[in-house]
Amino acid sequence: MNEEEFILLLHKFRDEPAVRLNFTPSIELLIDSRFCKGLDKLICPQGGPKWERRQAVETLGASLPDERGLYMFVWRPEFVFRFAAAPDTERFCWALYVGKAGIEEGKNDTIRTRYLSEYAKYVGRDASCLWADPPPADREQRLSRYLTLRPLEYWFLTLSTVRDIELFERKLIRLLQPPLNFQHGPKIRPGKTIPAFEEPK
């Protein structure tokens, strides 16, 4: 779907509410400034690799690194707040999805191949699905719907250690609670509840 088609679609659905995304960030972690600063230093130590970001488009995959690491889809609407002092503009952004690449070894599971094989087919497609019912029921339907959002960015960080990739992916998902990720979130364990001050029998 090119830009002109996308704009026509927006005019078509201008007064119709789209199915909502639920953003539920981890308040208890995000208000802990020491935790946030410490996690930043762990993921991107001084002198180490830094996050890179690109516009998420169908053809992006060819320019991505053939290396392992972390990646995120981030929605950055164009609305800008203007401030009197530097930095004088600010745009909000929302992490939609956090993923990892390279834990399966070899060249078939890199940041590049993951984008090409799993995500390029959704990015830039017909966004009319944003107004469709019912809400998406599984991962494929969620990705298919919400990776059509624009403007969409793809953030990635190359990492060499599989253990770090898995660890930091879990931490970022718990911290940001991206609406398209369901793993590593709070788990519900059904069973009988025990009062706080009563010994179990």
C-alpha atoms as a PDB file:
ATOM      1  CA  MET A   1       0.000   0.000   0.000  1.00  0.00           C
ATOM      2  CA  ASN A   2       1.680   3.216  -1.141  1.00  0.00           C
ATOM      3  CA  GLU A   3       1.405   6.559   0.648  1.00  0.00           C
ATOM      4  CA  GLU A   4      -1.421   7.883  -1.537  1.00  0.00           C
ATOM      5  CA  GLU A   5      -3.480   4.721  -0.986  1.00  0.00           C
ATOM      6  CA  PHE A   6      -2.793   4.942   2.749  1.00  0.00           C
ATOM      7  CA  ILE A   7      -4.017   8.564   2.898  1.00  0.00           C
ATOM      8  CA  LEU A   8      -7.205   7.641   0.982  1.00  0.00           C
ATOM      9  CA  LEU A   9      -7.793   4.833   3.470  1.00  0.00           C
ATOM     10  CA  LEU A  10      -7.435   7.257   6.388  1.00  0.00           C
ATOM     11  CA  HIS A  11     -10.034   9.547   4.801  1.00  0.00           C
ATOM     12  CA  LYS A  12     -12.357   6.600   4.330  1.00  0.00           C
ATOM     13  CA  PHE A  13     -12.211   5.594   8.015  1.00  0.00           C
ATOM     14  CA  ARG A  14     -11.700   9.098   9.466  1.00  0.00           C
ATOM     15  CA  ASP A  15     -14.773   8.989  11.753  1.00  0.00           C
ATOM     16  CA  GLU A  16     -14.677   5.255  12.539  1.00  0.00           C
ATOM     17  CA  PRO A  17     -12.917   4.075  15.722  1.00  0.00           C
ATOM     18  CA  ALA A  18     -10.131   1.552  15.130  1.00  0.00           C
ATOM     19  CA  VAL A  19      -9.772  -1.487  17.385  1.00  0.00           C
ATOM     20  CA  ARG A  20      -7.625  -0.312  20.313  1.00  0.00           C
ATOM     21  CA  LEU A  21      -4.166  -1.481  21.290  1.00  0.00           C
ATOM     22  CA  ASN A  22      -3.742  -2.041  25.014  1.00  0.00           C
ATOM     23  CA  PHE A  23      -0.552  -0.463  26.351  1.00  0.00           C
ATOM     24  CA  THR A  24       0.135  -1.621  29.898  1.00  0.00           C
ATOM     25  CA  PRO A  25       3.708  -0.613  30.804  1.00  0.00           C
ATOM     26  CA  SER A  26       5.277  -2.071  33.923  1.00  0.00           C
ATOM     27  CA  ILE A  27       4.829   0.863  36.299  1.00  0.00           C
ATOM     28  CA  GLU A  28       6.754  -0.698  39.192  1.00  0.00           C
ATOM     29  CA  LEU A  29       9.835  -1.132  36.980  1.00  0.00           C
ATOM     30  CA  LEU A  30       9.625   2.080  34.953  1.00  0.00           C
ATOM     31  CA  ILE A  31       9.368   4.332  38.027  1.00  0.00           C
ATOM     32  CA  ASP A  32      12.546   2.749  39.425  1.00  0.00           C
ATOM     33  CA  SER A  33      15.117   5.101  37.866  1.00  0.00           C
ATOM     34  CA  ARG A  34      18.101   3.107  39.175  1.00  0.00           C
ATOM     35  CA  PHE A  35      16.767  -0.064  37.613  1.00  0.00           C
ATOM     36  CA  CYS A  36      16.144   1.675  34.262  1.00  0.00           C
ATOM     37  CA  LYS A  37      19.601   3.305  34.181  1.00  0.00           C
ATOM     38  CA  GLY A  38      21.258   0.057  35.242  1.00  0.00           C
ATOM     39  CA  LEU A  39      19.457  -1.948  32.560  1.00  0.00           C
ATOM     40  CA  ASP A  40      20.494   0.603  29.937  1.00  0.00           C
ATOM     41  CA  LYS A  41      24.169   0.215  30.963  1.00  0.00           C
ATOM     42  CA  LEU A  42      23.876  -3.585  30.922  1.00  0.00           C
ATOM     43  CA  ILE A  43      22.289  -3.734  27.470  1.00  0.00           C
ATOM     44  CA  CYS A  44      24.462  -0.971  25.922  1.00  0.00           C
ATOM     45  CA  PRO A  45      27.717  -0.781  27.912  1.00  0.00           C
ATOM     46  CA  GLN A  46      30.071   2.121  27.199  1.00  0.00           C
ATOM     47  CA  GLY A  47      32.105   1.383  24.091  1.00  0.00           C
ATOM     48  CA  GLY A  48      29.726  -1.407  23.028  1.00  0.00           C
ATOM     49  CA  PRO A  49      27.160  -1.564  20.231  1.00  0.00           C
ATOM     50  CA  LYS A  50      24.247   0.887  20.345  1.00  0.00           C
ATOM     51  CA  TRP A  51      20.663   0.636  19.149  1.00  0.00           C
ATOM     52  CA  GLU A  52      20.018   1.595  15.539  1.00  0.00           C
ATOM     53  CA  ARG A  53      16.664   2.554  14.047  1.00  0.00           C
ATOM     54  CA  ARG A  54      15.260   2.517  10.549  1.00  0.00           C
ATOM     55  CA  GLN A  55      11.897   3.115   8.928  1.00  0.00           C
ATOM     56  CA  ALA A  56      10.065  -0.207   8.845  1.00  0.00           C
ATOM     57  CA  VAL A  57       9.245  -0.848   5.209  1.00  0.00           C
ATOM     58  CA  GLU A  58       8.850  -4.066   3.262  1.00  0.00           C
ATOM     59  CA  THR A  59      12.274  -3.690   1.600  1.00  0.00           C
ATOM     60  CA  LEU A  60      14.206  -2.910   4.817  1.00  0.00           C
ATOM     61  CA  GLY A  61      15.453  -6.467   5.322  1.00  0.00           C
ATOM     62  CA  ALA A  62      18.223  -6.312   2.731  1.00  0.00           C
ATOM     63  CA  SER A  63      19.978  -3.471   4.593  1.00  0.00           C
ATOM     64  CA  LEU A  64      19.850  -5.078   8.061  1.00  0.00           C
ATOM     65  CA  PRO A  65      22.874  -6.820   9.634  1.00  0.00           C
ATOM     66  CA  ASP A  66      23.294 -10.557   9.214  1.00  0.00           C
ATOM     67  CA  GLU A  67      24.013 -10.847  12.934  1.00  0.00           C
ATOM     68  CA  ARG A  68      22.260 -11.934  16.084  1.00  0.00           C
ATOM     69  CA  GLY A  69      20.693  -9.527  18.543  1.00  0.00           C
ATOM     70  CA  LEU A  70      17.495  -7.829  19.688  1.00  0.00           C
ATOM     71  CA  TYR A  71      14.897  -5.930  17.693  1.00  0.00           C
ATOM     72  CA  MET A  72      11.734  -3.910  18.302  1.00  0.00           C
ATOM     73  CA  PHE A  73       8.905  -2.524  16.241  1.00  0.00           C
ATOM     74  CA  VAL A  74       8.212   1.017  17.467  1.00  0.00           C
ATOM     75  CA  TRP A  75       5.296   3.215  16.470  1.00  0.00           C
ATOM     76  CA  ARG A  76       6.243   6.923  16.308  1.00  0.00           C
ATOM     77  CA  PRO A  77       3.258   9.097  15.308  1.00  0.00           C
ATOM     78  CA  GLU A  78       4.133  12.410  13.687  1.00  0.00           C
ATOM     79  CA  PHE A  79       2.517  14.559  16.376  1.00  0.00           C
ATOM     80  CA  VAL A  80       5.228  16.844  17.818  1.00  0.00           C
ATOM     81  CA  PHE A  81       5.377  18.812  21.080  1.00  0.00           C
ATOM     82  CA  ARG A  82       7.394  22.049  20.784  1.00  0.00           C
ATOM     83  CA  PHE A  83       9.366  23.278  23.787  1.00  0.00           C
ATOM     84  CA  ALA A  84      11.050  26.586  24.621  1.00  0.00           C
ATOM     85  CA  ALA A  85      14.427  24.974  25.409  1.00  0.00           C
ATOM     86  CA  ALA A  86      16.526  22.282  23.749  1.00  0.00           C
ATOM     87  CA  PRO A  87      15.679  19.649  22.831  1.00  0.00           C
ATOM     88  CA  ASP A  88      12.940  21.792  21.356  1.00  0.00           C
ATOM     89  CA  THR A  89      10.751  19.025  19.910  1.00  0.00           C
ATOM     90  CA  GLU A  90       9.578  15.685  21.230  1.00  0.00           C
ATOM     91  CA  ARG A  91       7.608  12.836  19.680  1.00  0.00           C
ATOM     92  CA  PHE A  92       6.023  10.046  21.662  1.00  0.00           C
ATOM     93  CA  CYS A  93       6.755   6.479  20.709  1.00  0.00           C
ATOM     94  CA  TRP A  94       5.367   3.104  21.706  1.00  0.00           C
ATOM     95  CA  ALA A  95       7.156  -0.249  21.563  1.00  0.00           C
ATOM     96  CA  LEU A  96       4.750  -2.639  19.844  1.00  0.00           C
ATOM     97  CA  TYR A  97       6.880  -5.784  19.788  1.00  0.00           C
ATOM     98  CA  VAL A  98      10.241  -6.974  21.158  1.00  0.00           C
ATOM     99  CA  GLY A  99      12.030  -9.982  19.666  1.00  0.00           C
ATOM    100  CA  LYS A 100      15.333 -11.809  19.497  1.00  0.00           C
ATOM    101  CA  ALA A 101      17.399 -13.272  16.670  1.00  0.00           C
ATOM    102  CA  GLY A 102      20.412 -15.570  16.638  1.00  0.00           C
ATOM    103  CA  ILE A 103      19.685 -18.065  19.370  1.00  0.00           C
ATOM    104  CA  GLU A 104      19.347 -20.924  16.844  1.00  0.00           C
ATOM    105  CA  GLU A 105      22.917 -20.457  15.538  1.00  0.00           C
ATOM    106  CA  GLY A 106      23.826 -20.267  11.878  1.00  0.00           C
ATOM    107  CA  LYS A 107      22.768 -17.734   9.249  1.00  0.00           C
ATOM    108  CA  ASN A 108      19.060 -18.622   9.213  1.00  0.00           C
ATOM    109  CA  ASP A 109      18.249 -16.733  12.405  1.00  0.00           C
ATOM    110  CA  THR A 110      19.730 -13.246  12.203  1.00  0.00           C
ATOM    111  CA  ILE A 111      18.246  -9.770  12.504  1.00  0.00           C
ATOM    112  CA  ARG A 112      18.090  -9.652   8.699  1.00  0.00           C
ATOM    113  CA  THR A 113      16.608 -13.087   8.064  1.00  0.00           C
ATOM    114  CA  ARG A 114      14.106 -12.700  10.888  1.00  0.00           C
ATOM    115  CA  TYR A 115      12.773  -9.475   9.361  1.00  0.00           C
ATOM    116  CA  LEU A 116      12.631 -10.921   5.854  1.00  0.00           C
ATOM    117  CA  SER A 117      11.028 -14.226   6.824  1.00  0.00           C
ATOM    118  CA  GLU A 118       8.585 -13.118   9.532  1.00  0.00           C
ATOM    119  CA  TYR A 119       7.743  -9.417   9.294  1.00  0.00           C
ATOM    120  CA  ALA A 120       8.254  -7.941   5.814  1.00  0.00           C
ATOM    121  CA  LYS A 121       5.013  -9.595   4.669  1.00  0.00           C
ATOM    122  CA  TYR A 122       3.010  -7.478   7.176  1.00  0.00           C
ATOM    123  CA  VAL A 123       4.755  -4.097   6.993  1.00  0.00           C
ATOM    124  CA  GLY A 124       3.243  -1.510   4.662  1.00  0.00           C
ATOM    125  CA  ARG A 125       0.220  -3.646   3.781  1.00  0.00           C
ATOM    126  CA  ASP A 126      -3.441  -2.682   3.589  1.00  0.00           C
ATOM    127  CA  ALA A 127      -4.173  -0.903   6.881  1.00  0.00           C
ATOM    128  CA  SER A 128      -7.962  -1.282   6.618  1.00  0.00           C
ATOM    129  CA  CYS A 129      -7.559  -4.254   8.978  1.00  0.00           C
ATOM    130  CA  LEU A 130      -7.091  -1.681  11.784  1.00  0.00           C
ATOM    131  CA  TRP A 131     -10.858  -1.089  11.596  1.00  0.00           C
ATOM    132  CA  ALA A 132     -11.852  -4.748  11.292  1.00  0.00           C
ATOM    133  CA  ASP A 133     -13.750  -6.867  13.818  1.00  0.00           C
ATOM    134  CA  PRO A 134     -13.219  -9.063  15.716  1.00  0.00           C
ATOM    135  CA  PRO A 135      -9.977  -8.219  17.535  1.00  0.00           C
ATOM    136  CA  PRO A 136      -7.009 -10.395  16.544  1.00  0.00           C
ATOM    137  CA  ALA A 137      -6.931 -13.739  18.358  1.00  0.00           C
ATOM    138  CA  ASP A 138      -3.352 -14.959  17.927  1.00  0.00           C
ATOM    139  CA  ARG A 139       0.215 -13.757  17.254  1.00  0.00           C
ATOM    140  CA  GLU A 140      -0.106 -13.942  13.472  1.00  0.00           C
ATOM    141  CA  GLN A 141      -3.322 -11.894  13.467  1.00  0.00           C
ATOM    142  CA  ARG A 142      -1.876  -9.312  15.881  1.00  0.00           C
ATOM    143  CA  LEU A 143       1.258  -8.836  13.778  1.00  0.00           C
ATOM    144  CA  SER A 144      -0.754  -8.786  10.560  1.00  0.00           C
ATOM    145  CA  ARG A 145      -2.954  -6.009  11.905  1.00  0.00           C
ATOM    146  CA  TYR A 146      -0.687  -3.714  13.878  1.00  0.00           C
ATOM    147  CA  LEU A 147       2.483  -3.837  11.779  1.00  0.00           C
ATOM    148  CA  THR A 148       0.457  -1.909   9.200  1.00  0.00           C
ATOM    149  CA  LEU A 149       0.627   1.155  11.516  1.00  0.00           C
ATOM    150  CA  ARG A 150       2.530   4.173  10.190  1.00  0.00           C
ATOM    151  CA  PRO A 151       5.028   5.666  10.744  1.00  0.00           C
ATOM    152  CA  LEU A 152       6.616   2.461  12.016  1.00  0.00           C
ATOM    153  CA  GLU A 153      10.283   2.055  12.953  1.00  0.00           C
ATOM    154  CA  TYR A 154      12.455  -1.013  13.398  1.00  0.00           C
ATOM    155  CA  TRP A 155      15.028  -0.700  16.182  1.00  0.00           C
ATOM    156  CA  PHE A 156      17.800  -3.265  16.505  1.00  0.00           C
ATOM    157  CA  LEU A 157      20.882  -3.981  18.582  1.00  0.00           C
ATOM    158  CA  THR A 158      23.544  -6.506  17.610  1.00  0.00           C
ATOM    159  CA  LEU A 159      24.672  -8.760  20.470  1.00  0.00           C
ATOM    160  CA  SER A 160      27.066 -11.676  20.303  1.00  0.00           C
ATOM    161  CA  THR A 161      26.077 -13.706  23.370  1.00  0.00           C
ATOM    162  CA  VAL A 162      22.989 -15.916  23.169  1.00  0.00           C
ATOM    163  CA  ARG A 163      22.467 -15.781  26.925  1.00  0.00           C
ATOM    164  CA  ASP A 164      22.429 -11.955  26.855  1.00  0.00           C
ATOM    165  CA  ILE A 165      19.989 -11.916  23.939  1.00  0.00           C
ATOM    166  CA  GLU A 166      17.532 -14.167  25.775  1.00  0.00           C
ATOM    167  CA  LEU A 167      17.974 -12.364  29.102  1.00  0.00           C
ATOM    168  CA  PHE A 168      17.593  -8.832  27.731  1.00  0.00           C
ATOM    169  CA  GLU A 169      14.606  -9.765  25.571  1.00  0.00           C
ATOM    170  CA  ARG A 170      12.811 -11.046  28.700  1.00  0.00           C
ATOM    171  CA  LYS A 171      13.734  -7.903  30.638  1.00  0.00           C
ATOM    172  CA  LEU A 172      12.569  -5.537  27.875  1.00  0.00           C
ATOM    173  CA  ILE A 173       9.267  -7.372  27.478  1.00  0.00           C
ATOM    174  CA  ARG A 174       8.633  -7.230  31.229  1.00  0.00           C
ATOM    175  CA  LEU A 175       9.613  -3.555  31.338  1.00  0.00           C
ATOM    176  CA  LEU A 176       7.701  -2.299  28.281  1.00  0.00           C
ATOM    177  CA  GLN A 177       4.870  -4.877  28.119  1.00  0.00           C
ATOM    178  CA  PRO A 178       4.561  -4.445  24.324  1.00  0.00           C
ATOM    179  CA  PRO A 179       0.973  -5.161  23.257  1.00  0.00           C
ATOM    180  CA  LEU A 180       2.015  -7.646  20.547  1.00  0.00           C
ATOM    181  CA  ASN A 181       4.102  -9.776  22.957  1.00  0.00           C
ATOM    182  CA  PHE A 182       2.341 -12.241  25.215  1.00  0.00           C
ATOM    183  CA  GLN A 183       5.315 -14.220  26.494  1.00  0.00           C
ATOM    184  CA  HIS A 184       7.222 -13.295  29.679  1.00  0.00           C
ATOM    185  CA  GLY A 185       4.273 -11.317  31.036  1.00  0.00           C
ATOM    186  CA  PRO A 186       2.499 -11.932  34.319  1.00  0.00           C
ATOM    187  CA  LYS A 187       1.398 -15.544  34.619  1.00  0.00           C
ATOM    188  CA  ILE A 188      -1.939 -16.491  36.151  1.00  0.00           C
ATOM    189  CA  ARG A 189      -1.717 -19.595  38.270  1.00  0.00           C
ATOM    190  CA  PRO A 190      -5.163 -20.934  39.101  1.00  0.00           C
ATOM    191  CA  GLY A 191      -5.657 -22.576  42.440  1.00  0.00           C
ATOM    192  CA  LYS A 192      -6.903 -22.037  45.923  1.00  0.00           C
ATOM    193  CA  THR A 193      -5.787 -18.768  47.496  1.00  0.00           C
ATOM    194  CA  ILE A 194      -4.206 -18.767  50.948  1.00  0.00           C
ATOM    195  CA  PRO A 195      -4.659 -15.776  53.284  1.00  0.00           C
ATOM    196  CA  ALA A 196      -1.435 -13.918  53.892  1.00  0.00           C
ATOM    197  CA  PHE A 197      -1.197 -14.727  57.604  1.00  0.00           C
ATOM    198  CA  GLU A 198      -2.544 -18.267  57.587  1.00  0.00           C
ATOM    199  CA  GLU A 199      -0.297 -21.302  57.457  1.00  0.00           C
ATOM    200  CA  PRO A 200      -1.032 -23.691  54.565  1.00  0.00           C
ATOM    201  CA  LYS A 201      -2.564 -27.007  55.665  1.00  0.00           C
END
